[in-house]
Full PDB file with SEQRES, HELIX, SHEET, SSBOND, CRYST1, ORIGX, SCALE, CONECT and MASTER records, all heavy atoms in Angstrom:
SEQRES   1 A   32  ALA PHE ILE ALA THR GLU PRO ARG VAL THR LEU VAL ILE          
SEQRES   2 A   32  LEU ALA TYR GLY TYR LEU LEU SER ALA PHE ILE GLU MET          
SEQRES   3 A   32  GLY ILE GLN ARG LEU ARG                                      
HELIX    1 AA1 PHE A    2  THR A    5  1                                   4    
HELIX    2 AA2 PRO A    7  LEU A   31  1                                  25    
CRYST1    1.000    1.000    1.000  90.00  90.00  90.00 P 1           1          
ORIGX1      1.000000  0.000000  0.000000        0.00000                         
ORIGX2      0.000000  1.000000  0.000000        0.00000                         
ORIGX3      0.000000  0.000000  1.000000        0.00000                         
SCALE1      1.000000  0.000000  0.000000        0.00000                         
SCALE2      0.000000  1.000000  0.000000        0.00000                         
SCALE3      0.000000  0.000000  1.000000        0.00000                         
ATOM      1  N   ALA A   1      86.882  39.771 -81.521  1.00  0.00           N  
ATOM      2  CA  ALA A   1      87.370  38.483 -82.039  1.00  0.00           C  
ATOM      3  C   ALA A   1      86.224  37.505 -82.229  1.00  0.00           C  
ATOM      4  O   ALA A   1      86.172  36.791 -83.244  1.00  0.00           O  
ATOM      5  CB  ALA A   1      88.421  37.906 -81.088  1.00  0.00           C  
ATOM      6  N   PHE A   2      85.296  37.443 -81.267  1.00  0.00           N  
ATOM      7  CA  PHE A   2      84.129  36.559 -81.411  1.00  0.00           C  
ATOM      8  C   PHE A   2      83.262  36.970 -82.584  1.00  0.00           C  
ATOM      9  O   PHE A   2      82.777  36.112 -83.330  1.00  0.00           O  
ATOM     10  CB  PHE A   2      83.305  36.524 -80.137  1.00  0.00           C  
ATOM     11  CG  PHE A   2      83.871  35.670 -79.047  1.00  0.00           C  
ATOM     12  CD1 PHE A   2      84.001  36.164 -77.769  1.00  0.00           C  
ATOM     13  CD2 PHE A   2      84.289  34.373 -79.308  1.00  0.00           C  
ATOM     14  CE1 PHE A   2      84.525  35.388 -76.761  1.00  0.00           C  
ATOM     15  CE2 PHE A   2      84.815  33.577 -78.305  1.00  0.00           C  
ATOM     16  CZ  PHE A   2      84.927  34.095 -77.033  1.00  0.00           C  
ATOM     17  N   ILE A   3      83.055  38.263 -82.767  1.00  0.00           N  
ATOM     18  CA  ILE A   3      82.270  38.721 -83.903  1.00  0.00           C  
ATOM     19  C   ILE A   3      82.962  38.391 -85.212  1.00  0.00           C  
ATOM     20  O   ILE A   3      82.323  37.973 -86.178  1.00  0.00           O  
ATOM     21  CB  ILE A   3      81.959  40.241 -83.792  1.00  0.00           C  
ATOM     22  CG1 ILE A   3      81.017  40.504 -82.614  1.00  0.00           C  
ATOM     23  CG2 ILE A   3      81.354  40.762 -85.084  1.00  0.00           C  
ATOM     24  CD1 ILE A   3      80.804  41.967 -82.306  1.00  0.00           C  
ATOM     25  N   ALA A   4      84.273  38.534 -85.251  1.00  0.00           N  
ATOM     26  CA  ALA A   4      85.021  38.237 -86.486  1.00  0.00           C  
ATOM     27  C   ALA A   4      85.037  36.752 -86.806  1.00  0.00           C  
ATOM     28  O   ALA A   4      84.946  36.362 -87.974  1.00  0.00           O  
ATOM     29  CB  ALA A   4      86.445  38.767 -86.363  1.00  0.00           C  
ATOM     30  N   THR A   5      85.118  35.900 -85.775  1.00  0.00           N  
ATOM     31  CA  THR A   5      85.240  34.465 -86.046  1.00  0.00           C  
ATOM     32  C   THR A   5      83.877  33.780 -86.165  1.00  0.00           C  
ATOM     33  O   THR A   5      83.719  32.867 -86.973  1.00  0.00           O  
ATOM     34  CB  THR A   5      86.062  33.752 -84.942  1.00  0.00           C  
ATOM     35  OG1 THR A   5      85.459  34.000 -83.669  1.00  0.00           O  
ATOM     36  CG2 THR A   5      87.490  34.258 -84.944  1.00  0.00           C  
ATOM     37  N   GLU A   6      82.926  34.171 -85.372  1.00  0.00           N  
ATOM     38  CA  GLU A   6      81.584  33.564 -85.390  1.00  0.00           C  
ATOM     39  C   GLU A   6      80.513  34.640 -85.390  1.00  0.00           C  
ATOM     40  O   GLU A   6      79.776  34.801 -84.426  1.00  0.00           O  
ATOM     41  CB  GLU A   6      81.390  32.658 -84.162  1.00  0.00           C  
ATOM     42  CG  GLU A   6      82.250  31.418 -84.151  1.00  0.00           C  
ATOM     43  CD  GLU A   6      81.865  30.437 -85.237  1.00  0.00           C  
ATOM     44  OE1 GLU A   6      80.695  30.426 -85.668  1.00  0.00           O  
ATOM     45  OE2 GLU A   6      82.744  29.673 -85.643  1.00  0.00           O  
ATOM     46  N   PRO A   7      80.416  35.428 -86.480  1.00  0.00           N  
ATOM     47  CA  PRO A   7      79.499  36.566 -86.449  1.00  0.00           C  
ATOM     48  C   PRO A   7      78.038  36.182 -86.292  1.00  0.00           C  
ATOM     49  O   PRO A   7      77.300  36.857 -85.585  1.00  0.00           O  
ATOM     50  CB  PRO A   7      79.761  37.263 -87.778  1.00  0.00           C  
ATOM     51  CG  PRO A   7      80.349  36.223 -88.659  1.00  0.00           C  
ATOM     52  CD  PRO A   7      81.091  35.300 -87.747  1.00  0.00           C  
ATOM     53  N   ARG A   8      77.618  35.118 -86.895  1.00  0.00           N  
ATOM     54  CA  ARG A   8      76.192  34.750 -86.819  1.00  0.00           C  
ATOM     55  C   ARG A   8      75.776  34.460 -85.379  1.00  0.00           C  
ATOM     56  O   ARG A   8      74.779  34.955 -84.893  1.00  0.00           O  
ATOM     57  CB  ARG A   8      75.891  33.535 -87.678  1.00  0.00           C  
ATOM     58  CG  ARG A   8      75.922  33.857 -89.134  1.00  0.00           C  
ATOM     59  CD  ARG A   8      75.591  32.670 -89.964  1.00  0.00           C  
ATOM     60  NE  ARG A   8      75.563  33.109 -91.360  1.00  0.00           N  
ATOM     61  CZ  ARG A   8      75.055  32.400 -92.329  1.00  0.00           C  
ATOM     62  NH1 ARG A   8      74.516  31.247 -92.096  1.00  0.00           N  
ATOM     63  NH2 ARG A   8      75.081  32.882 -93.555  1.00  0.00           N  
ATOM     64  N   VAL A   9      76.551  33.665 -84.691  1.00  0.00           N  
ATOM     65  CA  VAL A   9      76.231  33.280 -83.323  1.00  0.00           C  
ATOM     66  C   VAL A   9      76.420  34.460 -82.387  1.00  0.00           C  
ATOM     67  O   VAL A   9      75.559  34.745 -81.538  1.00  0.00           O  
ATOM     68  CB  VAL A   9      77.105  32.087 -82.883  1.00  0.00           C  
ATOM     69  CG1 VAL A   9      76.873  31.758 -81.422  1.00  0.00           C  
ATOM     70  CG2 VAL A   9      76.826  30.865 -83.762  1.00  0.00           C  
ATOM     71  N   THR A  10      77.525  35.165 -82.501  1.00  0.00           N  
ATOM     72  CA  THR A  10      77.817  36.256 -81.587  1.00  0.00           C  
ATOM     73  C   THR A  10      76.800  37.360 -81.679  1.00  0.00           C  
ATOM     74  O   THR A  10      76.341  37.878 -80.649  1.00  0.00           O  
ATOM     75  CB  THR A  10      79.238  36.818 -81.856  1.00  0.00           C  
ATOM     76  OG1 THR A  10      80.179  35.746 -81.832  1.00  0.00           O  
ATOM     77  CG2 THR A  10      79.629  37.851 -80.805  1.00  0.00           C  
ATOM     78  N   LEU A  11      76.415  37.761 -82.882  1.00  0.00           N  
ATOM     79  CA  LEU A  11      75.466  38.854 -83.041  1.00  0.00           C  
ATOM     80  C   LEU A  11      74.089  38.475 -82.502  1.00  0.00           C  
ATOM     81  O   LEU A  11      73.407  39.307 -81.890  1.00  0.00           O  
ATOM     82  CB  LEU A  11      75.385  39.308 -84.508  1.00  0.00           C  
ATOM     83  CG  LEU A  11      76.670  39.957 -85.030  1.00  0.00           C  
ATOM     84  CD1 LEU A  11      76.558  40.197 -86.525  1.00  0.00           C  
ATOM     85  CD2 LEU A  11      76.970  41.238 -84.296  1.00  0.00           C  
ATOM     86  N   VAL A  12      73.679  37.226 -82.699  1.00  0.00           N  
ATOM     87  CA  VAL A  12      72.396  36.781 -82.151  1.00  0.00           C  
ATOM     88  C   VAL A  12      72.437  36.774 -80.628  1.00  0.00           C  
ATOM     89  O   VAL A  12      71.491  37.221 -79.963  1.00  0.00           O  
ATOM     90  CB  VAL A  12      72.013  35.394 -82.713  1.00  0.00           C  
ATOM     91  CG1 VAL A  12      70.915  34.733 -81.894  1.00  0.00           C  
ATOM     92  CG2 VAL A  12      71.569  35.509 -84.151  1.00  0.00           C  
ATOM     93  N   ILE A  13      73.539  36.308 -80.065  1.00  0.00           N  
ATOM     94  CA  ILE A  13      73.678  36.281 -78.601  1.00  0.00           C  
ATOM     95  C   ILE A  13      73.633  37.711 -78.064  1.00  0.00           C  
ATOM     96  O   ILE A  13      72.954  37.973 -77.044  1.00  0.00           O  
ATOM     97  CB  ILE A  13      74.973  35.560 -78.177  1.00  0.00           C  
ATOM     98  CG1 ILE A  13      74.823  34.061 -78.443  1.00  0.00           C  
ATOM     99  CG2 ILE A  13      75.295  35.820 -76.708  1.00  0.00           C  
ATOM    100  CD1 ILE A  13      76.117  33.269 -78.268  1.00  0.00           C  
ATOM    101  N   LEU A  14      74.349  38.627 -78.689  1.00  0.00           N  
ATOM    102  CA  LEU A  14      74.335  40.019 -78.229  1.00  0.00           C  
ATOM    103  C   LEU A  14      72.941  40.647 -78.333  1.00  0.00           C  
ATOM    104  O   LEU A  14      72.467  41.305 -77.409  1.00  0.00           O  
ATOM    105  CB  LEU A  14      75.338  40.869 -79.024  1.00  0.00           C  
ATOM    106  CG  LEU A  14      76.813  40.591 -78.744  1.00  0.00           C  
ATOM    107  CD1 LEU A  14      77.694  41.361 -79.723  1.00  0.00           C  
ATOM    108  CD2 LEU A  14      77.175  40.938 -77.321  1.00  0.00           C  
ATOM    109  N   ALA A  15      72.283  40.431 -79.459  1.00  0.00           N  
ATOM    110  CA  ALA A  15      70.963  41.038 -79.682  1.00  0.00           C  
ATOM    111  C   ALA A  15      69.922  40.501 -78.689  1.00  0.00           C  
ATOM    112  O   ALA A  15      69.222  41.279 -78.029  1.00  0.00           O  
ATOM    113  CB  ALA A  15      70.495  40.808 -81.118  1.00  0.00           C  
ATOM    114  N   TYR A  16      69.828  39.194 -78.586  1.00  0.00           N  
ATOM    115  CA  TYR A  16      68.858  38.611 -77.684  1.00  0.00           C  
ATOM    116  C   TYR A  16      69.260  38.767 -76.218  1.00  0.00           C  
ATOM    117  O   TYR A  16      68.400  38.808 -75.332  1.00  0.00           O  
ATOM    118  CB  TYR A  16      68.572  37.166 -78.049  1.00  0.00           C  
ATOM    119  CG  TYR A  16      67.683  37.041 -79.266  1.00  0.00           C  
ATOM    120  CD1 TYR A  16      68.225  36.984 -80.544  1.00  0.00           C  
ATOM    121  CD2 TYR A  16      66.309  37.039 -79.128  1.00  0.00           C  
ATOM    122  CE1 TYR A  16      67.412  36.903 -81.664  1.00  0.00           C  
ATOM    123  CE2 TYR A  16      65.492  36.962 -80.225  1.00  0.00           C  
ATOM    124  CZ  TYR A  16      66.057  36.888 -81.507  1.00  0.00           C  
ATOM    125  OH  TYR A  16      65.237  36.834 -82.607  1.00  0.00           O  
ATOM    126  N   GLY A  17      70.558  38.840 -75.976  1.00  0.00           N  
ATOM    127  CA  GLY A  17      71.030  39.089 -74.610  1.00  0.00           C  
ATOM    128  C   GLY A  17      70.564  40.439 -74.117  1.00  0.00           C  
ATOM    129  O   GLY A  17      70.121  40.583 -72.969  1.00  0.00           O  
ATOM    130  N   TYR A  18      70.636  41.453 -74.982  1.00  0.00           N  
ATOM    131  CA  TYR A  18      70.157  42.778 -74.581  1.00  0.00           C  
ATOM    132  C   TYR A  18      68.645  42.779 -74.422  1.00  0.00           C  
ATOM    133  O   TYR A  18      68.118  43.371 -73.482  1.00  0.00           O  
ATOM    134  CB  TYR A  18      70.580  43.849 -75.603  1.00  0.00           C  
ATOM    135  CG  TYR A  18      70.199  45.225 -75.170  1.00  0.00           C  
ATOM    136  CD1 TYR A  18      70.882  45.864 -74.142  1.00  0.00           C  
ATOM    137  CD2 TYR A  18      69.141  45.904 -75.765  1.00  0.00           C  
ATOM    138  CE1 TYR A  18      70.537  47.140 -73.710  1.00  0.00           C  
ATOM    139  CE2 TYR A  18      68.783  47.181 -75.354  1.00  0.00           C  
ATOM    140  CZ  TYR A  18      69.487  47.771 -74.332  1.00  0.00           C  
ATOM    141  OH  TYR A  18      69.121  49.037 -73.914  1.00  0.00           O  
ATOM    142  N   LEU A  19      67.955  42.082 -75.323  1.00  0.00           N  
ATOM    143  CA  LEU A  19      66.488  42.008 -75.224  1.00  0.00           C  
ATOM    144  C   LEU A  19      66.098  41.382 -73.894  1.00  0.00           C  
ATOM    145  O   LEU A  19      65.219  41.880 -73.188  1.00  0.00           O  
ATOM    146  CB  LEU A  19      65.925  41.199 -76.397  1.00  0.00           C  
ATOM    147  CG  LEU A  19      64.424  41.141 -76.530  1.00  0.00           C  
ATOM    148  CD1 LEU A  19      64.037  41.097 -78.000  1.00  0.00           C  
ATOM    149  CD2 LEU A  19      63.843  39.935 -75.834  1.00  0.00           C  
ATOM    150  N   LEU A  20      66.757  40.301 -73.524  1.00  0.00           N  
ATOM    151  CA  LEU A  20      66.419  39.597 -72.288  1.00  0.00           C  
ATOM    152  C   LEU A  20      66.946  40.308 -71.038  1.00  0.00           C  
ATOM    153  O   LEU A  20      66.418  40.087 -69.943  1.00  0.00           O  
ATOM    154  CB  LEU A  20      66.985  38.181 -72.338  1.00  0.00           C  
ATOM    155  CG  LEU A  20      66.328  37.244 -73.359  1.00  0.00           C  
ATOM    156  CD1 LEU A  20      67.047  35.913 -73.417  1.00  0.00           C  
ATOM    157  CD2 LEU A  20      64.848  37.057 -73.051  1.00  0.00           C  
ATOM    158  N   SER A  21      67.949  41.168 -71.179  1.00  0.00           N  
ATOM    159  CA  SER A  21      68.549  41.814 -70.018  1.00  0.00           C  
ATOM    160  C   SER A  21      67.544  42.653 -69.240  1.00  0.00           C  
ATOM    161  O   SER A  21      67.626  42.715 -68.008  1.00  0.00           O  
ATOM    162  CB  SER A  21      69.738  42.683 -70.452  1.00  0.00           C  
ATOM    163  OG  SER A  21      69.282  43.828 -71.176  1.00  0.00           O  
ATOM    164  N   ALA A  22      66.617  43.271 -69.911  1.00  0.00           N  
ATOM    165  CA  ALA A  22      65.597  44.086 -69.209  1.00  0.00           C  
ATOM    166  C   ALA A  22      64.733  43.197 -68.333  1.00  0.00           C  
ATOM    167  O   ALA A  22      64.419  43.572 -67.191  1.00  0.00           O  
ATOM    168  CB  ALA A  22      64.747  44.849 -70.196  1.00  0.00           C  
ATOM    169  N   PHE A  23      64.377  42.032 -68.806  1.00  0.00           N  
ATOM    170  CA  PHE A  23      63.525  41.121 -68.032  1.00  0.00           C  
ATOM    171  C   PHE A  23      64.312  40.500 -66.890  1.00  0.00           C  
ATOM    172  O   PHE A  23      63.760  40.287 -65.804  1.00  0.00           O  
ATOM    173  CB  PHE A  23      62.929  40.055 -68.950  1.00  0.00           C  
ATOM    174  CG  PHE A  23      62.047  40.652 -70.001  1.00  0.00           C  
ATOM    175  CD1 PHE A  23      62.504  40.810 -71.291  1.00  0.00           C  
ATOM    176  CD2 PHE A  23      60.755  41.068 -69.697  1.00  0.00           C  
ATOM    177  CE1 PHE A  23      61.702  41.376 -72.268  1.00  0.00           C  
ATOM    178  CE2 PHE A  23      59.944  41.627 -70.666  1.00  0.00           C  
ATOM    179  CZ  PHE A  23      60.421  41.791 -71.947  1.00  0.00           C  
ATOM    180  N   ILE A  24      65.573  40.198 -67.121  1.00  0.00           N  
ATOM    181  CA  ILE A  24      66.407  39.643 -66.060  1.00  0.00           C  
ATOM    182  C   ILE A  24      66.594  40.675 -64.963  1.00  0.00           C  
ATOM    183  O   ILE A  24      66.446  40.367 -63.766  1.00  0.00           O  
ATOM    184  CB  ILE A  24      67.771  39.173 -66.630  1.00  0.00           C  
ATOM    185  CG1 ILE A  24      67.557  37.966 -67.535  1.00  0.00           C  
ATOM    186  CG2 ILE A  24      68.751  38.867 -65.502  1.00  0.00           C  
ATOM    187  CD1 ILE A  24      68.760  37.576 -68.355  1.00  0.00           C  
ATOM    188  N   GLU A  25      66.893  41.918 -65.357  1.00  0.00           N  
ATOM    189  CA  GLU A  25      67.052  42.972 -64.367  1.00  0.00           C  
ATOM    190  C   GLU A  25      65.747  43.237 -63.605  1.00  0.00           C  
ATOM    191  O   GLU A  25      65.757  43.465 -62.386  1.00  0.00           O  
ATOM    192  CB  GLU A  25      67.558  44.239 -65.028  1.00  0.00           C  
ATOM    193  CG  GLU A  25      68.036  45.279 -64.049  1.00  0.00           C  
ATOM    194  CD  GLU A  25      68.827  46.393 -64.697  1.00  0.00           C  
ATOM    195  OE1 GLU A  25      69.262  46.278 -65.854  1.00  0.00           O  
ATOM    196  OE2 GLU A  25      68.996  47.419 -64.022  1.00  0.00           O  
ATOM    197  N   MET A  26      64.619  43.184 -64.309  1.00  0.00           N  
ATOM    198  CA  MET A  26      63.344  43.349 -63.649  1.00  0.00           C  
ATOM    199  C   MET A  26      63.080  42.233 -62.653  1.00  0.00           C  
ATOM    200  O   MET A  26      62.596  42.489 -61.537  1.00  0.00           O  
ATOM    201  CB  MET A  26      62.231  43.356 -64.729  1.00  0.00           C  
ATOM    202  CG  MET A  26      61.058  44.212 -64.405  1.00  0.00           C  
ATOM    203  SD  MET A  26      59.853  44.449 -65.755  1.00  0.00           S  
ATOM    204  CE  MET A  26      60.057  43.142 -66.880  1.00  0.00           C  
ATOM    205  N   GLY A  27      63.424  41.008 -63.004  1.00  0.00           N  
ATOM    206  CA  GLY A  27      63.244  39.883 -62.090  1.00  0.00           C  
ATOM    207  C   GLY A  27      64.140  40.000 -60.859  1.00  0.00           C  
ATOM    208  O   GLY A  27      63.709  39.739 -59.742  1.00  0.00           O  
ATOM    209  N   ILE A  28      65.371  40.420 -61.066  1.00  0.00           N  
ATOM    210  CA  ILE A  28      66.306  40.614 -59.937  1.00  0.00           C  
ATOM    211  C   ILE A  28      65.791  41.702 -59.018  1.00  0.00           C  
ATOM    212  O   ILE A  28      65.823  41.568 -57.789  1.00  0.00           O  
ATOM    213  CB  ILE A  28      67.719  40.909 -60.456  1.00  0.00           C  
ATOM    214  CG1 ILE A  28      68.325  39.664 -61.106  1.00  0.00           C  
ATOM    215  CG2 ILE A  28      68.616  41.407 -59.316  1.00  0.00           C  
ATOM    216  CD1 ILE A  28      69.613  39.921 -61.860  1.00  0.00           C  
ATOM    217  N   GLN A  29      65.297  42.767 -59.600  1.00  0.00           N  
ATOM    218  CA  GLN A  29      64.772  43.873 -58.796  1.00  0.00           C  
ATOM    219  C   GLN A  29      63.559  43.423 -57.975  1.00  0.00           C  
ATOM    220  O   GLN A  29      63.427  43.758 -56.802  1.00  0.00           O  
ATOM    221  CB  GLN A  29      64.424  45.058 -59.697  1.00  0.00           C  
ATOM    222  CG  GLN A  29      64.072  46.311 -58.940  1.00  0.00           C  
ATOM    223  CD  GLN A  29      63.822  47.467 -59.889  1.00  0.00           C  
ATOM    224  OE1 GLN A  29      63.297  47.296 -60.983  1.00  0.00           O  
ATOM    225  NE2 GLN A  29      64.211  48.650 -59.469  1.00  0.00           N  
ATOM    226  N   ARG A  30      62.676  42.665 -58.579  1.00  0.00           N  
ATOM    227  CA  ARG A  30      61.492  42.186 -57.841  1.00  0.00           C  
ATOM    228  C   ARG A  30      61.882  41.206 -56.740  1.00  0.00           C  
ATOM    229  O   ARG A  30      61.300  41.192 -55.660  1.00  0.00           O  
ATOM    230  CB  ARG A  30      60.510  41.530 -58.800  1.00  0.00           C  
ATOM    231  CG  ARG A  30      59.770  42.521 -59.637  1.00  0.00           C  
ATOM    232  CD  ARG A  30      58.684  41.894 -60.439  1.00  0.00           C  
ATOM    233  NE  ARG A  30      58.019  42.925 -61.222  1.00  0.00           N  
ATOM    234  CZ  ARG A  30      57.124  42.677 -62.139  1.00  0.00           C  
ATOM    235  NH1 ARG A  30      56.762  41.440 -62.395  1.00  0.00           N  
ATOM    236  NH2 ARG A  30      56.572  43.662 -62.806  1.00  0.00           N  
ATOM    237  N   LEU A  31      62.896  40.399 -57.005  1.00  0.00           N  
ATOM    238  CA  LEU A  31      63.399  39.473 -55.995  1.00  0.00           C  
ATOM    239  C   LEU A  31      63.979  40.240 -54.807  1.00  0.00           C  
ATOM    240  O   LEU A  31      63.710  39.891 -53.649  1.00  0.00           O  
ATOM    241  CB  LEU A  31      64.431  38.528 -56.606  1.00  0.00           C  
ATOM    242  CG  LEU A  31      64.960  37.414 -55.709  1.00  0.00           C  
ATOM    243  CD1 LEU A  31      63.822  36.471 -55.331  1.00  0.00           C  
ATOM    244  CD2 LEU A  31      66.060  36.662 -56.427  1.00  0.00           C  
ATOM    245  N   ARG A  32      64.730  41.269 -55.077  1.00  0.00           N  
ATOM    246  CA  ARG A  32      65.293  42.101 -53.994  1.00  0.00           C  
ATOM    247  C   ARG A  32      64.201  42.767 -53.194  1.00  0.00           C  
ATOM    248  O   ARG A  32      64.261  42.828 -51.968  1.00  0.00           O  
ATOM    249  CB  ARG A  32      66.220  43.162 -54.579  1.00  0.00           C  
ATOM    250  CG  ARG A  32      67.559  42.645 -54.992  1.00  0.00           C  
ATOM    251  CD  ARG A  32      68.429  43.772 -55.473  1.00  0.00           C  
ATOM    252  NE  ARG A  32      69.674  43.257 -56.017  1.00  0.00           N  
ATOM    253  CZ  ARG A  32      70.428  43.906 -56.858  1.00  0.00           C  
ATOM    254  NH1 ARG A  32      70.097  45.103 -57.284  1.00  0.00           N  
ATOM    255  NH2 ARG A  32      71.545  43.356 -57.310  1.00  0.00           N  
TER     256      ARG A  32                                                      
MASTER        0    0    0    2    0    0    0    6  255    1    0    3          
END                                                                             
């Protein structure tokens, strides 16, 4: 539904969210 109603915003959030997820997970792992 989000992709259908706001594709520009949703697709950018998904793409950059995945890109950043590796760094977030790396930071969490280092913190642990």
